N, C-alpha and C. Protein backbone atom coordinates (compact mmCIF):
# COMPACT_ATOMS: atom_id res chain seq x y z
N UNK A 1 105.03 233.37 -41.26
CA UNK A 1 104.33 232.87 -43.20
C UNK A 1 104.14 231.42 -42.69
N UNK A 2 105.49 230.42 -42.29
CA UNK A 2 104.96 228.70 -41.97
C UNK A 2 104.00 228.23 -41.02
N UNK A 3 103.28 228.93 -39.99
CA UNK A 3 102.60 228.54 -39.63
C UNK A 3 100.63 228.75 -40.17
N UNK A 4 100.96 230.00 -41.18
CA UNK A 4 99.76 229.94 -42.05
C UNK A 4 99.93 229.11 -43.14
N UNK A 5 101.14 228.22 -43.38
CA UNK A 5 100.82 227.70 -44.37
C UNK A 5 100.29 226.01 -44.46
N UNK A 6 101.39 225.62 -43.14
CA UNK A 6 100.85 224.56 -41.90
C UNK A 6 99.34 224.99 -41.56
N UNK A 7 98.46 225.65 -40.98
CA UNK A 7 97.27 225.62 -41.09
C UNK A 7 96.29 225.86 -42.12
N UNK A 8 96.72 226.37 -43.26
CA UNK A 8 96.52 226.11 -44.75
C UNK A 8 96.07 224.65 -45.17
N UNK A 9 97.71 224.18 -44.95
CA UNK A 9 97.51 222.85 -45.50
C UNK A 9 96.23 221.68 -44.64
N UNK A 10 96.52 222.24 -43.29
CA UNK A 10 95.36 220.92 -42.12
C UNK A 10 94.07 221.66 -42.93
N UNK A 11 93.77 222.63 -43.06
CA UNK A 11 92.76 222.93 -43.48
C UNK A 11 92.25 222.49 -45.01
N UNK A 12 93.30 222.76 -46.15
CA UNK A 12 92.58 222.20 -47.36
C UNK A 12 92.61 220.08 -46.70
N UNK A 13 93.73 219.65 -46.25
CA UNK A 13 93.77 218.08 -45.93
C UNK A 13 92.13 217.46 -45.54
N UNK A 14 91.52 218.39 -44.35
CA UNK A 14 90.85 217.97 -43.32
C UNK A 14 89.32 217.95 -44.52
N UNK A 15 89.18 219.32 -45.16
CA UNK A 15 88.35 219.32 -46.43
C UNK A 15 87.82 218.81 -47.91
N UNK A 16 89.41 217.95 -47.98
CA UNK A 16 89.73 217.54 -49.08
C UNK A 16 88.94 215.94 -48.70
N UNK A 17 89.47 215.60 -47.19
CA UNK A 17 88.54 214.11 -46.84
C UNK A 17 87.08 214.42 -46.99
N UNK A 18 86.69 215.33 -46.32
CA UNK A 18 84.96 215.56 -46.02
C UNK A 18 84.55 215.45 -47.87
N UNK A 19 84.90 215.94 -48.30
CA UNK A 19 84.69 216.20 -49.71
C UNK A 19 84.88 214.23 -50.28
N UNK A 20 85.94 214.24 -50.02
CA UNK A 20 85.64 212.02 -50.71
C UNK A 20 84.86 211.52 -50.51
N UNK A 21 84.40 211.88 -48.86
CA UNK A 21 83.44 211.18 -48.35
C UNK A 21 82.20 211.48 -49.04
N UNK A 22 81.47 212.58 -49.62
CA UNK A 22 80.53 213.05 -50.23
C UNK A 22 80.89 212.77 -52.17
N UNK A 23 81.74 212.70 -52.35
CA UNK A 23 82.08 213.06 -54.30
C UNK A 23 81.58 214.43 -54.16
N UNK A 24 82.01 215.23 -53.77
CA UNK A 24 82.75 216.83 -54.60
C UNK A 24 83.28 216.81 -54.94
N UNK A 25 83.68 218.24 -55.17
CA UNK A 25 84.30 218.45 -56.22
C UNK A 25 85.02 219.56 -55.68
N UNK A 26 87.16 219.25 -55.14
CA UNK A 26 87.69 220.34 -54.74
C UNK A 26 88.51 221.20 -54.89
N UNK A 27 88.68 222.21 -55.21
CA UNK A 27 89.42 223.23 -56.33
C UNK A 27 89.69 224.16 -55.23
N UNK A 28 91.31 224.26 -55.94
CA UNK A 28 92.25 224.67 -54.98
C UNK A 28 92.56 225.83 -56.34
N UNK A 29 92.28 227.41 -55.67
CA UNK A 29 92.80 228.55 -56.81
C UNK A 29 94.16 229.16 -56.48
N UNK A 30 95.02 229.63 -57.32
CA UNK A 30 96.60 230.06 -56.80
C UNK A 30 96.10 231.38 -57.61
N UNK A 31 96.32 233.21 -56.77
CA UNK A 31 96.21 234.41 -57.23
C UNK A 31 97.30 235.21 -56.87
N UNK A 32 96.93 236.06 -58.11
CA UNK A 32 98.35 236.89 -57.21
C UNK A 32 97.56 238.64 -57.35
N UNK A 33 97.82 239.22 -56.48
CA UNK A 33 97.42 240.46 -56.90
C UNK A 33 97.86 241.29 -57.86
N UNK A 34 96.75 242.32 -57.88
CA UNK A 34 96.66 243.37 -59.05
C UNK A 34 97.53 244.58 -58.34
N UNK A 35 97.36 244.87 -57.22
CA UNK A 35 97.85 245.63 -56.24
C UNK A 35 98.90 245.62 -55.35
N UNK A 36 99.34 246.92 -54.73
CA UNK A 36 99.96 246.61 -53.90
C UNK A 36 99.52 246.37 -52.17
N UNK A 37 97.92 246.55 -52.43
CA UNK A 37 97.69 246.42 -50.60
C UNK A 37 97.85 244.68 -50.29
N UNK A 38 97.91 243.57 -50.57
CA UNK A 38 97.84 242.57 -50.21
C UNK A 38 97.16 242.15 -49.34
N UNK A 39 95.40 242.46 -49.75
CA UNK A 39 94.98 241.95 -49.39
C UNK A 39 93.89 240.95 -50.16
N UNK A 40 94.77 240.57 -51.18
CA UNK A 40 94.57 239.94 -52.23
C UNK A 40 95.43 237.78 -51.72
N UNK A 41 94.26 236.74 -51.28
CA UNK A 41 94.69 235.97 -50.60
C UNK A 41 96.00 234.91 -51.91
N UNK A 42 96.66 234.49 -51.57
CA UNK A 42 97.58 233.89 -52.33
C UNK A 42 97.18 232.73 -52.60
N UNK A 43 96.12 231.55 -52.12
CA UNK A 43 95.42 230.90 -52.34
C UNK A 43 93.86 230.25 -51.66
N UNK A 44 93.16 229.84 -52.43
CA UNK A 44 91.41 229.64 -51.59
C UNK A 44 91.45 227.89 -52.25
N UNK A 45 90.38 227.91 -50.82
CA UNK A 45 90.18 226.88 -50.95
C UNK A 45 89.13 226.12 -51.55
N UNK A 46 87.86 225.95 -52.07
CA UNK A 46 86.84 225.44 -52.43
C UNK A 46 85.98 224.46 -52.15
N UNK A 47 85.26 224.08 -51.33
CA UNK A 47 85.08 222.85 -51.03
C UNK A 47 83.85 222.42 -51.50
N UNK A 48 83.40 222.29 -52.72
CA UNK A 48 81.97 222.08 -53.67
C UNK A 48 81.17 220.70 -53.00
N UNK A 49 79.94 221.29 -52.56
CA UNK A 49 78.88 220.03 -51.76
C UNK A 49 77.36 219.67 -53.23
N UNK A 50 77.76 218.27 -52.20
CA UNK A 50 76.71 217.74 -53.45
C UNK A 50 75.90 218.58 -53.92
N UNK A 51 75.10 218.96 -52.94
CA UNK A 51 73.61 220.14 -52.79
C UNK A 51 74.02 220.96 -53.04
N UNK A 52 75.35 221.90 -53.60
CA UNK A 52 75.32 223.20 -54.75
C UNK A 52 75.47 223.84 -53.78
N UNK A 53 76.17 223.81 -52.10
CA UNK A 53 77.37 224.62 -51.07
C UNK A 53 78.12 224.48 -51.46
N UNK A 54 78.87 224.94 -50.76
CA UNK A 54 80.30 225.52 -50.88
C UNK A 54 80.98 225.99 -49.22
N UNK A 55 82.03 225.35 -48.74
CA UNK A 55 82.76 225.96 -47.85
C UNK A 55 84.10 225.96 -48.13
N UNK A 56 84.28 227.42 -47.81
CA UNK A 56 85.67 228.29 -48.17
C UNK A 56 86.91 228.14 -47.42
N UNK A 57 87.82 228.70 -47.27
CA UNK A 57 89.14 228.05 -46.65
C UNK A 57 89.70 229.79 -47.71
N UNK A 58 90.56 230.28 -47.60
CA UNK A 58 91.34 231.63 -47.39
C UNK A 58 92.19 231.56 -46.47
N UNK A 59 93.35 232.12 -46.16
CA UNK A 59 95.27 232.74 -45.79
C UNK A 59 93.47 233.77 -43.85
N UNK A 60 93.44 235.02 -45.05
CA UNK A 60 92.32 235.70 -43.67
C UNK A 60 91.58 234.89 -43.02
N UNK A 61 90.78 233.86 -43.50
CA UNK A 61 90.41 233.19 -42.58
C UNK A 61 91.12 232.60 -41.69
N UNK A 62 92.00 232.33 -41.72
CA UNK A 62 93.28 230.80 -40.74
C UNK A 62 93.91 232.41 -39.79
N UNK A 63 94.84 233.53 -41.07
CA UNK A 63 94.78 234.33 -39.29
C UNK A 63 93.35 234.93 -38.23
N UNK A 64 92.82 235.44 -39.04
CA UNK A 64 91.34 235.85 -37.71
C UNK A 64 90.75 234.54 -37.34
N UNK A 65 91.70 233.05 -37.40
CA UNK A 65 91.09 231.98 -36.64
C UNK A 65 89.55 231.57 -36.56
N UNK A 66 88.61 231.97 -37.68
CA UNK A 66 87.81 231.31 -38.00
C UNK A 66 87.87 230.06 -38.44
N UNK A 67 86.77 229.47 -39.34
CA UNK A 67 86.58 228.43 -39.37
C UNK A 67 85.59 228.84 -40.85
N UNK A 68 86.32 227.44 -41.70
CA UNK A 68 85.70 227.51 -43.44
C UNK A 68 84.75 228.06 -43.25
N UNK A 69 84.20 228.88 -44.56
CA UNK A 69 83.09 229.68 -44.52
C UNK A 69 81.98 228.85 -45.52
N UNK A 70 81.11 228.69 -44.81
CA UNK A 70 79.76 228.52 -45.74
C UNK A 70 80.17 229.60 -47.11
N UNK A 71 80.13 228.92 -48.31
CA UNK A 71 79.57 230.51 -49.60
C UNK A 71 78.34 231.28 -49.85
N UNK A 72 78.20 232.60 -49.48
CA UNK A 72 77.08 233.21 -49.85
C UNK A 72 76.48 233.04 -51.14
N UNK A 73 77.23 232.57 -51.65
CA UNK A 73 76.90 232.33 -53.31
C UNK A 73 77.75 231.09 -53.90
N UNK A 74 76.68 230.13 -54.93
CA UNK A 74 78.37 229.09 -55.78
C UNK A 74 77.18 229.08 -56.98
N UNK A 75 77.76 229.17 -58.15
CA UNK A 75 77.23 228.50 -58.96
C UNK A 75 78.12 227.75 -60.16
N UNK A 76 78.27 226.33 -60.04
CA UNK A 76 79.48 225.57 -61.04
C UNK A 76 78.15 225.40 -61.89
N UNK A 77 79.03 226.00 -62.87
CA UNK A 77 78.22 225.36 -65.14
C UNK A 77 79.98 224.53 -65.21
N UNK A 78 79.22 223.66 -66.06
CA UNK A 78 80.63 223.56 -67.01
C UNK A 78 81.96 224.18 -67.40
N UNK A 79 81.20 225.64 -67.57
CA UNK A 79 82.11 226.80 -68.10
C UNK A 79 82.91 227.14 -66.97
N UNK A 80 82.17 227.93 -65.90
CA UNK A 80 82.59 228.82 -64.95
C UNK A 80 81.71 228.08 -63.24
N UNK A 81 83.44 228.47 -62.57
CA UNK A 81 82.83 228.42 -60.91
C UNK A 81 82.07 229.88 -60.83
N UNK A 82 81.72 230.16 -59.91
CA UNK A 82 81.45 231.42 -58.84
C UNK A 82 81.14 230.95 -58.45
N UNK A 83 81.87 231.75 -56.89
CA UNK A 83 81.66 231.77 -54.99
C UNK A 83 82.08 233.01 -55.01
N UNK A 84 81.10 233.16 -53.46
CA UNK A 84 81.63 234.05 -53.01
C UNK A 84 81.37 234.52 -51.35
N UNK A 85 82.36 234.69 -50.98
CA UNK A 85 82.37 234.40 -49.59
C UNK A 85 82.49 235.57 -47.97
N UNK A 86 82.70 235.62 -47.03
CA UNK A 86 82.64 236.91 -46.93
C UNK A 86 83.80 236.51 -45.36
N UNK A 87 84.24 236.93 -45.07
CA UNK A 87 85.60 237.55 -44.11
C UNK A 87 85.07 238.14 -42.81
N UNK A 88 84.87 238.03 -41.64
CA UNK A 88 83.79 238.35 -41.14
C UNK A 88 84.84 239.33 -39.92
N UNK A 89 84.74 240.66 -39.90
CA UNK A 89 85.17 241.61 -38.60
C UNK A 89 86.50 241.47 -39.16
N UNK A 90 87.03 241.29 -40.39
CA UNK A 90 88.80 241.96 -40.08
C UNK A 90 89.61 242.72 -39.49
N UNK A 91 90.53 242.97 -39.00
CA UNK A 91 90.66 243.77 -38.56
C UNK A 91 91.69 244.49 -38.89
N UNK A 92 91.99 246.12 -39.63
CA UNK A 92 92.92 246.48 -39.83
C UNK A 92 94.16 247.32 -39.19
N UNK A 93 94.82 247.97 -39.64
CA UNK A 93 96.06 248.82 -38.61
C UNK A 93 95.26 250.15 -37.83
N UNK A 94 95.33 249.48 -37.00
CA UNK A 94 94.75 251.35 -36.51
C UNK A 94 93.56 250.48 -35.60
N UNK A 95 93.36 249.51 -35.42
CA UNK A 95 92.00 248.29 -34.97
C UNK A 95 90.92 248.59 -35.93
N UNK A 96 90.91 249.32 -36.57
CA UNK A 96 88.99 249.11 -37.01
C UNK A 96 89.24 247.98 -37.96
N UNK A 97 87.93 247.48 -38.43
CA UNK A 97 87.81 246.31 -38.31
C UNK A 97 86.59 246.18 -39.55
N UNK A 98 86.39 245.62 -40.09
CA UNK A 98 85.04 244.93 -41.53
C UNK A 98 85.47 243.97 -42.06
N UNK A 99 84.48 243.65 -42.94
CA UNK A 99 83.85 242.42 -43.48
C UNK A 99 84.43 242.62 -44.42
N UNK A 100 85.01 241.62 -45.20
CA UNK A 100 86.04 241.38 -45.78
C UNK A 100 85.20 240.47 -47.75
N UNK A 101 84.31 241.30 -48.14
CA UNK A 101 83.41 240.14 -49.10
C UNK A 101 84.25 240.00 -51.02
N UNK A 102 84.45 238.86 -50.51
CA UNK A 102 85.38 238.13 -51.71
C UNK A 102 84.18 237.79 -52.88
N UNK A 103 84.74 237.57 -53.91
CA UNK A 103 84.46 237.14 -55.17
C UNK A 103 85.18 236.56 -55.79
N UNK A 104 84.78 235.69 -56.84
CA UNK A 104 85.79 234.06 -57.79
C UNK A 104 84.94 234.09 -58.61
N UNK A 105 85.75 234.44 -60.24
CA UNK A 105 84.99 233.97 -61.51
C UNK A 105 86.26 232.59 -61.76
N UNK A 106 85.38 231.97 -61.75
CA UNK A 106 87.03 231.12 -62.57
C UNK A 106 86.35 230.29 -64.23
N UNK A 107 86.64 231.08 -65.00
CA UNK A 107 86.65 230.46 -66.80
C UNK A 107 87.49 229.10 -66.47
N UNK A 108 86.68 228.11 -66.60
CA UNK A 108 87.18 226.81 -66.68
C UNK A 108 87.77 226.27 -67.73
N UNK A 109 87.47 226.67 -68.87
CA UNK A 109 87.54 226.23 -70.58
C UNK A 109 88.96 226.85 -70.68
N UNK A 110 89.34 228.20 -69.78
CA UNK A 110 90.75 228.91 -70.15
C UNK A 110 91.64 228.93 -69.37
N UNK A 111 91.43 228.20 -67.91
CA UNK A 111 91.82 228.25 -66.71
C UNK A 111 92.70 229.52 -65.94
N UNK A 112 91.27 230.28 -66.73
CA UNK A 112 91.65 231.89 -65.47
C UNK A 112 90.84 232.35 -64.64
N UNK A 113 90.96 233.05 -63.12
CA UNK A 113 90.81 232.51 -61.99
C UNK A 113 90.44 234.32 -61.85
N UNK A 114 89.56 235.24 -61.98
CA UNK A 114 89.45 236.31 -61.56
C UNK A 114 88.54 236.81 -60.14
N UNK A 115 89.79 237.52 -58.97
CA UNK A 115 88.90 237.13 -57.49
C UNK A 115 88.84 239.07 -57.31
N UNK A 116 87.86 239.56 -56.40
CA UNK A 116 87.71 240.56 -56.01
C UNK A 116 87.67 240.74 -55.02
N UNK A 117 87.59 241.78 -53.89
CA UNK A 117 87.77 242.17 -52.41
C UNK A 117 86.42 242.96 -52.38
N UNK A 118 86.21 243.50 -51.91
CA UNK A 118 85.24 244.43 -51.45
C UNK A 118 85.22 245.09 -49.62
N UNK A 119 85.37 246.35 -49.26
CA UNK A 119 85.81 246.59 -47.67
C UNK A 119 84.74 247.28 -47.74
N UNK A 120 83.61 247.10 -47.60
CA UNK A 120 82.17 248.08 -47.61
C UNK A 120 82.96 249.78 -46.57
N UNK A 121 83.08 249.20 -45.31
CA UNK A 121 83.30 249.72 -44.75
C UNK A 121 84.53 251.39 -45.09
N UNK A 122 85.24 250.97 -45.80
CA UNK A 122 86.88 251.71 -46.18
C UNK A 122 86.26 252.16 -47.75
N UNK A 123 84.63 251.38 -48.16
CA UNK A 123 84.73 252.20 -49.39
C UNK A 123 86.32 251.41 -50.42
N UNK A 124 86.37 250.74 -50.55
CA UNK A 124 88.28 250.07 -50.71
C UNK A 124 87.85 249.29 -52.16
N UNK A 125 88.31 248.64 -52.41
CA UNK A 125 88.18 247.12 -53.68
C UNK A 125 89.97 246.78 -53.70
N UNK A 126 89.77 245.77 -53.99
CA UNK A 126 91.14 245.40 -54.69
C UNK A 126 90.71 243.76 -55.39
N UNK A 127 91.83 243.58 -56.21
CA UNK A 127 91.56 242.42 -57.81
C UNK A 127 93.16 241.81 -57.87
N UNK A 128 92.75 240.70 -58.45
CA UNK A 128 93.65 239.52 -58.47
C UNK A 128 93.17 238.90 -59.68
N UNK A 129 94.37 237.75 -59.98
CA UNK A 129 94.34 236.96 -61.15
C UNK A 129 94.42 235.66 -60.79
N UNK A 130 94.23 234.48 -61.41
CA UNK A 130 95.04 233.10 -60.34
C UNK A 130 94.65 232.57 -61.80
N UNK A 131 95.02 231.31 -61.37
CA UNK A 131 94.11 229.69 -61.79
C UNK A 131 93.87 228.51 -60.92
N UNK A 132 92.83 228.49 -61.70
CA UNK A 132 92.60 227.18 -60.73
C UNK A 132 92.66 225.29 -60.95
N UNK A 133 92.30 224.17 -60.19
CA UNK A 133 92.28 223.24 -60.13
C UNK A 133 91.98 222.48 -59.66
N UNK A 134 91.15 221.31 -59.45
CA UNK A 134 90.81 220.04 -58.71
C UNK A 134 92.11 219.53 -58.27
N UNK A 135 91.38 219.71 -56.73
CA UNK A 135 92.19 218.56 -56.26
C UNK A 135 91.96 217.58 -55.78
N UNK A 136 93.24 216.10 -56.52
CA UNK A 136 92.73 214.54 -56.67
C UNK A 136 92.57 214.36 -54.95
């Protein structure tokens, strides 16, 4: 797990430096899983770009050796931050692989974040709650 944390820290630093250059927002969210499946990432980083796009980094991308992903959907208002992304071809026990579809909604006023995961090939869902903060 220490290697995973080092990789995430490195990715956070790299994304923060690139965001600083472009005057974008970088959000770091901490989540607690709602179930025992361990499919909700503990931390997720969103690098919001001035053009309305976002790069996402999470522990699953690190584990499956994938680069930060472009978000499939981004909406950043004064009240909420909503982001969706996909971790492609995640391999699970037994060698089965599926895409992991994540969605986060962060209520900025209450500092409450909700994350959901959909595994379409398995017809499974998971969820969690947490908080998010802007990285300085």
